[in-house]
């Protein structure tokens, strides 16, 4: 499983990034479960779906502090997980010990070196992992091999199409570097359109390329493209679940955070077609 993440430096940066978020994650998942938190919404979506599937054995790839694994164990599921961040695993193991669960259900590992658990699984989940992987198709085949014959994969991605609704520098960059990247636009048209985009999204200076295709949270994926990659890897795709809805572009949250979050909660719907544009992330289910 070579070239699992991007480059050694990227792996170190990713590990350092998540190591630094241990306290934030512990508060979010284990003590301060707020009314509207997209991370909790997707976790609860997965828990509900896994229990519906009556899964006996579950693997959570990129498990963070093990909150999903812990919740599944609390529901009687044989769940295990691994994560690149040793700090996350240590924090999760402490919670497991306090609540009477086997802390070795959580292990530190890099996907590049293989999965640190034997056998196959009824469900394999991955929240926050695939945005950091370089070759989506190759790693989906690895997931397929980890599943029992009727096993189900539930894999999360960041929604590239949301950039068209965010109305910010991400939009500007996505238009030029992705949508129109291979279109040879004559100079007068290009200059006028660039000026219009800069004005619409308040982009100043030499902004092209400054907003990356990925950041510390990983790269973006187009839902329809990912669906095809699942199918190419041998999956039958059953559902696309959208989450973290934005009823207005993100900048408007600063106007009234409470009202914005309440409206987000009301429009949150994993099966709404508007998720293709309004939701920042999605989960693909396939077997």
C-alpha atoms as a PDB file:
ATOM      1  CA  UNK A   1       0.000   0.000   0.000  1.00  0.00           C
ATOM      2  CA  UNK A   2       2.698   2.469  -1.019  1.00  0.00           C
ATOM      3  CA  UNK A   3       2.145   6.198  -1.445  1.00  0.00           C
ATOM      4  CA  UNK A   4      -0.801   6.019   0.926  1.00  0.00           C
ATOM      5  CA  UNK A   5      -0.758   9.674   1.802  1.00  0.00           C
ATOM      6  CA  UNK A   6       0.844  12.298  -0.391  1.00  0.00           C
ATOM      7  CA  UNK A   7       4.478  12.755   0.703  1.00  0.00           C
ATOM      8  CA  UNK A   8       6.430  12.164   3.938  1.00  0.00           C
ATOM      9  CA  UNK A   9       6.325  15.884   4.765  1.00  0.00           C
ATOM     10  CA  UNK A  10       2.570  15.910   4.222  1.00  0.00           C
ATOM     11  CA  UNK A  11       2.178  12.925   6.560  1.00  0.00           C
ATOM     12  CA  UNK A  12       4.125  14.746   9.263  1.00  0.00           C
ATOM     13  CA  UNK A  13       2.066  17.884   8.771  1.00  0.00           C
ATOM     14  CA  UNK A  14      -1.208  15.967   8.936  1.00  0.00           C
ATOM     15  CA  UNK A  15      -0.123  14.087  12.063  1.00  0.00           C
ATOM     16  CA  UNK A  16       0.995  17.315  13.741  1.00  0.00           C
ATOM     17  CA  UNK A  17      -2.276  19.015  12.794  1.00  0.00           C
ATOM     18  CA  UNK A  18      -4.434  16.335  14.388  1.00  0.00           C
ATOM     19  CA  UNK A  19      -2.109  15.880  17.379  1.00  0.00           C
ATOM     20  CA  UNK A  20      -2.755  19.557  18.158  1.00  0.00           C
ATOM     21  CA  UNK A  21      -6.528  19.082  18.129  1.00  0.00           C
ATOM     22  CA  UNK A  22      -6.786  16.431  20.857  1.00  0.00           C
ATOM     23  CA  UNK A  23      -8.342  18.707  23.481  1.00  0.00           C
ATOM     24  CA  UNK A  24     -10.790  20.158  20.951  1.00  0.00           C
ATOM     25  CA  UNK A  25     -11.851  16.687  19.796  1.00  0.00           C
ATOM     26  CA  UNK A  26     -12.239  15.361  23.346  1.00  0.00           C
ATOM     27  CA  UNK A  27     -14.484  18.275  24.240  1.00  0.00           C
ATOM     28  CA  UNK A  28     -16.481  17.982  21.030  1.00  0.00           C
ATOM     29  CA  UNK A  29     -17.086  14.231  21.086  1.00  0.00           C
ATOM     30  CA  UNK A  30     -16.982  13.231  24.731  1.00  0.00           C
ATOM     31  CA  UNK A  31     -18.134  16.175  26.851  1.00  0.00           C
ATOM     32  CA  UNK A  32     -19.692  19.084  24.972  1.00  0.00           C
ATOM     33  CA  UNK A  33     -22.000  17.623  22.333  1.00  0.00           C
ATOM     34  CA  UNK A  34     -23.549  20.839  21.033  1.00  0.00           C
ATOM     35  CA  UNK A  35     -26.960  21.050  19.379  1.00  0.00           C
ATOM     36  CA  UNK A  36     -25.516  21.638  15.903  1.00  0.00           C
ATOM     37  CA  UNK A  37     -22.096  20.247  15.097  1.00  0.00           C
ATOM     38  CA  UNK A  38     -21.497  18.698  11.651  1.00  0.00           C
ATOM     39  CA  UNK A  39     -18.926  16.276  13.052  1.00  0.00           C
ATOM     40  CA  UNK A  40     -21.525  14.906  15.439  1.00  0.00           C
ATOM     41  CA  UNK A  41     -24.220  14.854  12.772  1.00  0.00           C
ATOM     42  CA  UNK A  42     -22.188  12.583  10.494  1.00  0.00           C
ATOM     43  CA  UNK A  43     -21.110  10.386  13.399  1.00  0.00           C
ATOM     44  CA  UNK A  44     -24.726   9.907  14.451  1.00  0.00           C
ATOM     45  CA  UNK A  45     -25.705   9.206  10.842  1.00  0.00           C
ATOM     46  CA  UNK A  46     -23.093   6.436  10.671  1.00  0.00           C
ATOM     47  CA  UNK A  47     -24.060   4.955  14.033  1.00  0.00           C
ATOM     48  CA  UNK A  48     -27.714   4.783  12.991  1.00  0.00           C
ATOM     49  CA  UNK A  49     -26.836   3.212   9.639  1.00  0.00           C
ATOM     50  CA  UNK A  50     -24.431   0.655  11.134  1.00  0.00           C
ATOM     51  CA  UNK A  51     -27.025  -0.422  13.687  1.00  0.00           C
ATOM     52  CA  UNK A  52     -29.602  -0.718  10.892  1.00  0.00           C
ATOM     53  CA  UNK A  53     -27.190  -3.002   9.040  1.00  0.00           C
ATOM     54  CA  UNK A  54     -26.882  -5.164  12.181  1.00  0.00           C
ATOM     55  CA  UNK A  55     -23.115  -5.246  11.692  1.00  0.00           C
ATOM     56  CA  UNK A  56     -21.109  -7.529  13.969  1.00  0.00           C
ATOM     57  CA  UNK A  57     -17.605  -6.237  13.210  1.00  0.00           C
ATOM     58  CA  UNK A  58     -16.696  -2.686  12.209  1.00  0.00           C
ATOM     59  CA  UNK A  59     -13.406  -0.988  11.293  1.00  0.00           C
ATOM     60  CA  UNK A  60     -13.114   2.795  11.562  1.00  0.00           C
ATOM     61  CA  UNK A  61     -10.177   4.098   9.506  1.00  0.00           C
ATOM     62  CA  UNK A  62      -8.844   7.452  10.673  1.00  0.00           C
ATOM     63  CA  UNK A  63     -10.773   7.054  13.923  1.00  0.00           C
ATOM     64  CA  UNK A  64      -9.382  10.138  15.676  1.00  0.00           C
ATOM     65  CA  UNK A  65      -9.972   9.768  19.404  1.00  0.00           C
ATOM     66  CA  UNK A  66     -12.179   6.734  18.807  1.00  0.00           C
ATOM     67  CA  UNK A  67     -15.524   8.358  19.529  1.00  0.00           C
ATOM     68  CA  UNK A  68     -17.346   6.401  16.793  1.00  0.00           C
ATOM     69  CA  UNK A  69     -15.705   3.147  17.885  1.00  0.00           C
ATOM     70  CA  UNK A  70     -16.663   3.903  21.488  1.00  0.00           C
ATOM     71  CA  UNK A  71     -20.287   4.637  20.601  1.00  0.00           C
ATOM     72  CA  UNK A  72     -20.527   1.389  18.633  1.00  0.00           C
ATOM     73  CA  UNK A  73     -18.993  -0.604  21.498  1.00  0.00           C
ATOM     74  CA  UNK A  74     -21.553   0.955  23.824  1.00  0.00           C
ATOM     75  CA  UNK A  75     -24.187  -0.474  21.478  1.00  0.00           C
ATOM     76  CA  UNK A  76     -22.669  -3.955  21.584  1.00  0.00           C
ATOM     77  CA  UNK A  77     -20.824  -3.827  18.247  1.00  0.00           C
ATOM     78  CA  UNK A  78     -17.346  -5.335  17.902  1.00  0.00           C
ATOM     79  CA  UNK A  79     -15.660  -2.162  16.647  1.00  0.00           C
ATOM     80  CA  UNK A  80     -11.994  -1.239  16.249  1.00  0.00           C
ATOM     81  CA  UNK A  81     -10.180   1.732  14.771  1.00  0.00           C
ATOM     82  CA  UNK A  82      -6.814   3.211  13.872  1.00  0.00           C
ATOM     83  CA  UNK A  83      -5.461   6.704  13.356  1.00  0.00           C
ATOM     84  CA  UNK A  84      -2.232   8.383  12.289  1.00  0.00           C
ATOM     85  CA  UNK A  85      -2.217  10.591  15.405  1.00  0.00           C
ATOM     86  CA  UNK A  86      -0.716   8.949  18.475  1.00  0.00           C
ATOM     87  CA  UNK A  87      -2.065  11.770  20.645  1.00  0.00           C
ATOM     88  CA  UNK A  88      -5.602  11.032  19.474  1.00  0.00           C
ATOM     89  CA  UNK A  89      -5.209   7.310  20.148  1.00  0.00           C
ATOM     90  CA  UNK A  90      -3.815   7.942  23.652  1.00  0.00           C
ATOM     91  CA  UNK A  91      -6.708  10.245  24.488  1.00  0.00           C
ATOM     92  CA  UNK A  92      -9.252   7.750  23.188  1.00  0.00           C
ATOM     93  CA  UNK A  93      -7.685   4.850  25.061  1.00  0.00           C
ATOM     94  CA  UNK A  94      -8.049   6.793  28.316  1.00  0.00           C
ATOM     95  CA  UNK A  95     -11.787   7.115  27.709  1.00  0.00           C
ATOM     96  CA  UNK A  96     -12.044   3.418  26.835  1.00  0.00           C
ATOM     97  CA  UNK A  97     -10.321   2.469  30.090  1.00  0.00           C
ATOM     98  CA  UNK A  98     -12.611   4.753  32.105  1.00  0.00           C
ATOM     99  CA  UNK A  99     -15.725   3.213  30.555  1.00  0.00           C
ATOM    100  CA  UNK A 100     -14.647  -0.416  30.754  1.00  0.00           C
ATOM    101  CA  UNK A 101     -13.793  -1.037  27.106  1.00  0.00           C
ATOM    102  CA  UNK A 102     -10.609  -2.630  25.792  1.00  0.00           C
ATOM    103  CA  UNK A 103      -8.241   0.260  24.933  1.00  0.00           C
ATOM    104  CA  UNK A 104      -6.380  -1.891  22.402  1.00  0.00           C
ATOM    105  CA  UNK A 105      -9.427  -1.546  20.151  1.00  0.00           C
ATOM    106  CA  UNK A 106      -7.683   1.695  19.140  1.00  0.00           C
ATOM    107  CA  UNK A 107      -4.269   1.575  17.482  1.00  0.00           C
ATOM    108  CA  UNK A 108      -1.919   4.110  15.968  1.00  0.00           C
ATOM    109  CA  UNK A 109      -1.160   3.273  12.349  1.00  0.00           C
ATOM    110  CA  UNK A 110      -0.543   4.795   8.950  1.00  0.00           C
ATOM    111  CA  UNK A 111      -2.774   3.377   6.223  1.00  0.00           C
ATOM    112  CA  UNK A 112       0.397   3.257   4.111  1.00  0.00           C
ATOM    113  CA  UNK A 113       1.654   0.367   6.225  1.00  0.00           C
ATOM    114  CA  UNK A 114      -1.570  -1.637   6.196  1.00  0.00           C
ATOM    115  CA  UNK A 115      -4.485  -2.082   8.575  1.00  0.00           C
ATOM    116  CA  UNK A 116      -3.374  -3.077  12.109  1.00  0.00           C
ATOM    117  CA  UNK A 117      -6.219  -5.569  12.604  1.00  0.00           C
ATOM    118  CA  UNK A 118      -6.664  -9.061  11.238  1.00  0.00           C
ATOM    119  CA  UNK A 119      -9.570 -10.408   9.221  1.00  0.00           C
ATOM    120  CA  UNK A 120     -12.444  -8.786   7.378  1.00  0.00           C
ATOM    121  CA  UNK A 121     -15.332  -6.585   8.452  1.00  0.00           C
ATOM    122  CA  UNK A 122     -19.062  -6.142   8.010  1.00  0.00           C
ATOM    123  CA  UNK A 123     -18.631  -2.358   7.791  1.00  0.00           C
ATOM    124  CA  UNK A 124     -15.594  -0.180   7.090  1.00  0.00           C
ATOM    125  CA  UNK A 125     -15.925   3.531   7.785  1.00  0.00           C
ATOM    126  CA  UNK A 126     -13.608   6.422   7.045  1.00  0.00           C
ATOM    127  CA  UNK A 127     -14.262   9.960   8.272  1.00  0.00           C
ATOM    128  CA  UNK A 128     -11.558  12.464   7.369  1.00  0.00           C
ATOM    129  CA  UNK A 129      -9.237   9.858   5.847  1.00  0.00           C
ATOM    130  CA  UNK A 130      -9.838   9.882   2.090  1.00  0.00           C
ATOM    131  CA  UNK A 131      -9.410  13.662   1.767  1.00  0.00           C
ATOM    132  CA  UNK A 132      -5.753  12.977   2.654  1.00  0.00           C
ATOM    133  CA  UNK A 133      -5.197  10.028   0.303  1.00  0.00           C
ATOM    134  CA  UNK A 134      -3.584  10.574  -3.068  1.00  0.00           C
ATOM    135  CA  UNK A 135      -5.157   7.760  -5.104  1.00  0.00           C
ATOM    136  CA  UNK A 136      -8.854   7.410  -4.308  1.00  0.00           C
ATOM    137  CA  UNK A 137      -9.489   4.516  -6.687  1.00  0.00           C
ATOM    138  CA  UNK A 138      -6.549   2.445  -5.417  1.00  0.00           C
ATOM    139  CA  UNK A 139      -7.507   2.869  -1.792  1.00  0.00           C
ATOM    140  CA  UNK A 140     -11.138   2.055  -2.460  1.00  0.00           C
ATOM    141  CA  UNK A 141      -9.954  -1.293  -3.773  1.00  0.00           C
ATOM    142  CA  UNK A 142      -8.095  -1.800  -0.491  1.00  0.00           C
ATOM    143  CA  UNK A 143     -11.317  -1.057   1.406  1.00  0.00           C
ATOM    144  CA  UNK A 144     -13.187  -3.519  -0.817  1.00  0.00           C
ATOM    145  CA  UNK A 145     -10.710  -6.239   0.154  1.00  0.00           C
ATOM    146  CA  UNK A 146     -11.287  -5.498   3.854  1.00  0.00           C
ATOM    147  CA  UNK A 147     -15.016  -6.216   3.590  1.00  0.00           C
ATOM    148  CA  UNK A 148     -16.915  -9.442   4.020  1.00  0.00           C
ATOM    149  CA  UNK A 149     -18.813 -10.529   0.860  1.00  0.00           C
ATOM    150  CA  UNK A 150     -21.886  -8.528   1.893  1.00  0.00           C
ATOM    151  CA  UNK A 151     -19.907  -5.861   3.724  1.00  0.00           C
ATOM    152  CA  UNK A 152     -20.593  -2.141   3.425  1.00  0.00           C
ATOM    153  CA  UNK A 153     -18.223   0.813   3.112  1.00  0.00           C
ATOM    154  CA  UNK A 154     -19.230   4.220   4.471  1.00  0.00           C
ATOM    155  CA  UNK A 155     -16.572   6.700   3.336  1.00  0.00           C
ATOM    156  CA  UNK A 156     -16.566  10.483   3.820  1.00  0.00           C
ATOM    157  CA  UNK A 157     -15.316  13.107   1.370  1.00  0.00           C
ATOM    158  CA  UNK A 158     -15.245  16.911   1.224  1.00  0.00           C
ATOM    159  CA  UNK A 159     -17.659  18.250  -1.373  1.00  0.00           C
ATOM    160  CA  UNK A 160     -15.880  20.130  -4.162  1.00  0.00           C
ATOM    161  CA  UNK A 161     -19.186  21.429  -5.556  1.00  0.00           C
ATOM    162  CA  UNK A 162     -19.814  23.342  -2.339  1.00  0.00           C
ATOM    163  CA  UNK A 163     -17.059  25.692  -3.495  1.00  0.00           C
ATOM    164  CA  UNK A 164     -19.485  27.002  -6.107  1.00  0.00           C
ATOM    165  CA  UNK A 165     -21.852  28.133  -3.349  1.00  0.00           C
ATOM    166  CA  UNK A 166     -19.357  29.399  -0.786  1.00  0.00           C
ATOM    167  CA  UNK A 167     -18.847  32.677  -2.708  1.00  0.00           C
ATOM    168  CA  UNK A 168     -15.308  33.247  -1.487  1.00  0.00           C
ATOM    169  CA  UNK A 169     -11.708  32.675  -2.518  1.00  0.00           C
ATOM    170  CA  UNK A 170     -12.395  28.946  -2.757  1.00  0.00           C
ATOM    171  CA  UNK A 171     -14.973  29.719  -5.455  1.00  0.00           C
ATOM    172  CA  UNK A 172     -12.561  31.885  -7.398  1.00  0.00           C
ATOM    173  CA  UNK A 173      -9.866  29.234  -7.268  1.00  0.00           C
ATOM    174  CA  UNK A 174     -12.243  26.389  -8.138  1.00  0.00           C
ATOM    175  CA  UNK A 175     -13.505  28.193 -11.234  1.00  0.00           C
ATOM    176  CA  UNK A 176     -10.037  28.877 -12.616  1.00  0.00           C
ATOM    177  CA  UNK A 177      -8.050  25.865 -11.409  1.00  0.00           C
ATOM    178  CA  UNK A 178     -10.661  23.137 -11.834  1.00  0.00           C
ATOM    179  CA  UNK A 179     -13.711  24.044 -13.902  1.00  0.00           C
ATOM    180  CA  UNK A 180     -11.901  26.101 -16.539  1.00  0.00           C
ATOM    181  CA  UNK A 181      -8.389  24.737 -16.064  1.00  0.00           C
ATOM    182  CA  UNK A 182      -8.174  23.235 -19.566  1.00  0.00           C
ATOM    183  CA  UNK A 183     -10.163  25.918 -21.411  1.00  0.00           C
ATOM    184  CA  UNK A 184      -8.097  28.280 -23.568  1.00  0.00           C
ATOM    185  CA  UNK A 185      -9.952  31.571 -23.042  1.00  0.00           C
ATOM    186  CA  UNK A 186      -8.869  34.522 -25.201  1.00  0.00           C
ATOM    187  CA  UNK A 187      -7.162  37.250 -23.209  1.00  0.00           C
ATOM    188  CA  UNK A 188      -9.880  39.983 -23.359  1.00  0.00           C
ATOM    189  CA  UNK A 189     -12.580  37.533 -22.229  1.00  0.00           C
ATOM    190  CA  UNK A 190     -10.348  36.053 -19.546  1.00  0.00           C
ATOM    191  CA  UNK A 191      -9.431  39.457 -18.130  1.00  0.00           C
ATOM    192  CA  UNK A 192     -13.037  40.653 -18.005  1.00  0.00           C
ATOM    193  CA  UNK A 193     -14.257  37.431 -16.412  1.00  0.00           C
ATOM    194  CA  UNK A 194     -11.421  37.451 -13.896  1.00  0.00           C
ATOM    195  CA  UNK A 195     -12.306  41.015 -12.935  1.00  0.00           C
ATOM    196  CA  UNK A 196     -15.940  39.984 -12.493  1.00  0.00           C
ATOM    197  CA  UNK A 197     -15.001  37.015 -10.298  1.00  0.00           C
ATOM    198  CA  UNK A 198     -12.679  39.132  -8.170  1.00  0.00           C
ATOM    199  CA  UNK A 199     -15.406  41.691  -7.667  1.00  0.00           C
ATOM    200  CA  UNK A 200     -18.076  39.092  -6.852  1.00  0.00           C
ATOM    201  CA  UNK A 201     -15.926  37.162  -4.366  1.00  0.00           C
ATOM    202  CA  UNK A 202     -13.860  40.086  -3.041  1.00  0.00           C
ATOM    203  CA  UNK A 203     -10.544  38.638  -4.150  1.00  0.00           C
ATOM    204  CA  UNK A 204      -7.625  41.074  -4.151  1.00  0.00           C
ATOM    205  CA  UNK A 205      -4.123  40.832  -5.563  1.00  0.00           C
ATOM    206  CA  UNK A 206      -2.545  37.829  -7.237  1.00  0.00           C
ATOM    207  CA  UNK A 207      -5.023  35.312  -5.777  1.00  0.00           C
ATOM    208  CA  UNK A 208      -4.943  32.629  -8.452  1.00  0.00           C
ATOM    209  CA  UNK A 209      -3.600  29.440  -6.948  1.00  0.00           C
ATOM    210  CA  UNK A 210      -3.389  30.859  -3.413  1.00  0.00           C
ATOM    211  CA  UNK A 211      -6.395  28.889  -2.272  1.00  0.00           C
ATOM    212  CA  UNK A 212      -5.288  25.259  -2.624  1.00  0.00           C
ATOM    213  CA  UNK A 213      -7.248  22.272  -3.854  1.00  0.00           C
ATOM    214  CA  UNK A 214      -6.665  20.964  -0.344  1.00  0.00           C
ATOM    215  CA  UNK A 215      -5.831  22.368   3.088  1.00  0.00           C
ATOM    216  CA  UNK A 216      -5.177  20.943   6.554  1.00  0.00           C
ATOM    217  CA  UNK A 217      -8.530  19.135   6.370  1.00  0.00           C
ATOM    218  CA  UNK A 218      -7.615  17.544   3.043  1.00  0.00           C
ATOM    219  CA  UNK A 219      -8.648  17.781  -0.586  1.00  0.00           C
ATOM    220  CA  UNK A 220     -12.091  18.086  -2.154  1.00  0.00           C
ATOM    221  CA  UNK A 221     -13.971  15.521  -4.273  1.00  0.00           C
ATOM    222  CA  UNK A 222     -16.856  15.767  -6.738  1.00  0.00           C
ATOM    223  CA  UNK A 223     -19.686  13.420  -5.625  1.00  0.00           C
ATOM    224  CA  UNK A 224     -20.444  12.075  -9.114  1.00  0.00           C
ATOM    225  CA  UNK A 225     -16.755  11.366  -9.777  1.00  0.00           C
ATOM    226  CA  UNK A 226     -16.370   9.535  -6.460  1.00  0.00           C
ATOM    227  CA  UNK A 227     -19.436   7.433  -7.234  1.00  0.00           C
ATOM    228  CA  UNK A 228     -17.777   6.323 -10.479  1.00  0.00           C
ATOM    229  CA  UNK A 229     -14.539   5.558  -8.636  1.00  0.00           C
ATOM    230  CA  UNK A 230     -16.467   3.350  -6.204  1.00  0.00           C
ATOM    231  CA  UNK A 231     -18.038   1.492  -9.106  1.00  0.00           C
ATOM    232  CA  UNK A 232     -14.662   1.089 -10.838  1.00  0.00           C
ATOM    233  CA  UNK A 233     -13.309  -0.415  -7.608  1.00  0.00           C
ATOM    234  CA  UNK A 234     -16.031  -3.070  -7.652  1.00  0.00           C
ATOM    235  CA  UNK A 235     -18.653  -1.467  -5.414  1.00  0.00           C
ATOM    236  CA  UNK A 236     -22.358  -1.136  -5.939  1.00  0.00           C
ATOM    237  CA  UNK A 237     -23.174   2.382  -4.727  1.00  0.00           C
ATOM    238  CA  UNK A 238     -26.410   2.594  -2.746  1.00  0.00           C
ATOM    239  CA  UNK A 239     -26.525   6.095  -1.279  1.00  0.00           C
ATOM    240  CA  UNK A 240     -24.833   9.454  -1.117  1.00  0.00           C
ATOM    241  CA  UNK A 241     -25.438  11.141   2.243  1.00  0.00           C
ATOM    242  CA  UNK A 242     -24.817  14.893   2.465  1.00  0.00           C
ATOM    243  CA  UNK A 243     -24.094  16.778   5.683  1.00  0.00           C
ATOM    244  CA  UNK A 244     -22.912  20.119   7.060  1.00  0.00           C
ATOM    245  CA  UNK A 245     -25.416  22.223   5.176  1.00  0.00           C
ATOM    246  CA  UNK A 246     -24.930  25.953   4.687  1.00  0.00           C
ATOM    247  CA  UNK A 247     -28.255  27.775   4.128  1.00  0.00           C
ATOM    248  CA  UNK A 248     -26.245  30.842   3.061  1.00  0.00           C
ATOM    249  CA  UNK A 249     -22.570  31.234   2.125  1.00  0.00           C
ATOM    250  CA  UNK A 250     -20.305  30.796   5.177  1.00  0.00           C
ATOM    251  CA  UNK A 251     -19.460  34.483   5.575  1.00  0.00           C
ATOM    252  CA  UNK A 252     -23.022  35.173   6.726  1.00  0.00           C
ATOM    253  CA  UNK A 253     -22.547  33.073   9.855  1.00  0.00           C
ATOM    254  CA  UNK A 254     -20.621  36.030  11.305  1.00  0.00           C
ATOM    255  CA  UNK A 255     -23.798  38.134  11.139  1.00  0.00           C
ATOM    256  CA  UNK A 256     -25.689  35.911  13.602  1.00  0.00           C
ATOM    257  CA  UNK A 257     -24.062  32.598  14.505  1.00  0.00           C
ATOM    258  CA  UNK A 258     -27.018  31.322  16.541  1.00  0.00           C
ATOM    259  CA  UNK A 259     -29.581  32.039  13.811  1.00  0.00           C
ATOM    260  CA  UNK A 260     -27.279  30.646  11.107  1.00  0.00           C
ATOM    261  CA  UNK A 261     -26.635  27.403  12.972  1.00  0.00           C
ATOM    262  CA  UNK A 262     -30.313  26.958  13.770  1.00  0.00           C
ATOM    263  CA  UNK A 263     -31.173  27.390  10.098  1.00  0.00           C
ATOM    264  CA  UNK A 264     -28.403  24.942   9.152  1.00  0.00           C
ATOM    265  CA  UNK A 265     -29.839  22.390  11.542  1.00  0.00           C
ATOM    266  CA  UNK A 266     -33.297  22.801   9.998  1.00  0.00           C
ATOM    267  CA  UNK A 267     -32.115  22.271   6.424  1.00  0.00           C
ATOM    268  CA  UNK A 268     -29.759  19.404   7.316  1.00  0.00           C
ATOM    269  CA  UNK A 269     -30.966  16.417   5.286  1.00  0.00           C
ATOM    270  CA  UNK A 270     -28.642  13.623   4.110  1.00  0.00           C
ATOM    271  CA  UNK A 271     -30.878  12.807   1.129  1.00  0.00           C
ATOM    272  CA  UNK A 272     -31.695  16.292  -0.192  1.00  0.00           C
ATOM    273  CA  UNK A 273     -30.460  16.945  -3.748  1.00  0.00           C
ATOM    274  CA  UNK A 274     -29.494  20.465  -2.647  1.00  0.00           C
ATOM    275  CA  UNK A 275     -26.685  18.858  -0.695  1.00  0.00           C
ATOM    276  CA  UNK A 276     -24.693  18.706  -3.937  1.00  0.00           C
ATOM    277  CA  UNK A 277     -24.228  22.482  -3.537  1.00  0.00           C
ATOM    278  CA  UNK A 278     -25.151  23.396   0.052  1.00  0.00           C
ATOM    279  CA  UNK A 279     -23.326  20.660   1.984  1.00  0.00           C
ATOM    280  CA  UNK A 280     -19.595  20.837   2.597  1.00  0.00           C
ATOM    281  CA  UNK A 281     -19.201  17.043   2.918  1.00  0.00           C
ATOM    282  CA  UNK A 282     -20.764  13.743   1.918  1.00  0.00           C
ATOM    283  CA  UNK A 283     -20.588  10.022   2.659  1.00  0.00           C
ATOM    284  CA  UNK A 284     -20.796   7.331  -0.005  1.00  0.00           C
ATOM    285  CA  UNK A 285     -22.300   3.946   0.921  1.00  0.00           C
ATOM    286  CA  UNK A 286     -21.337   0.971  -1.212  1.00  0.00           C
ATOM    287  CA  UNK A 287     -20.865  -2.776  -0.976  1.00  0.00           C
END
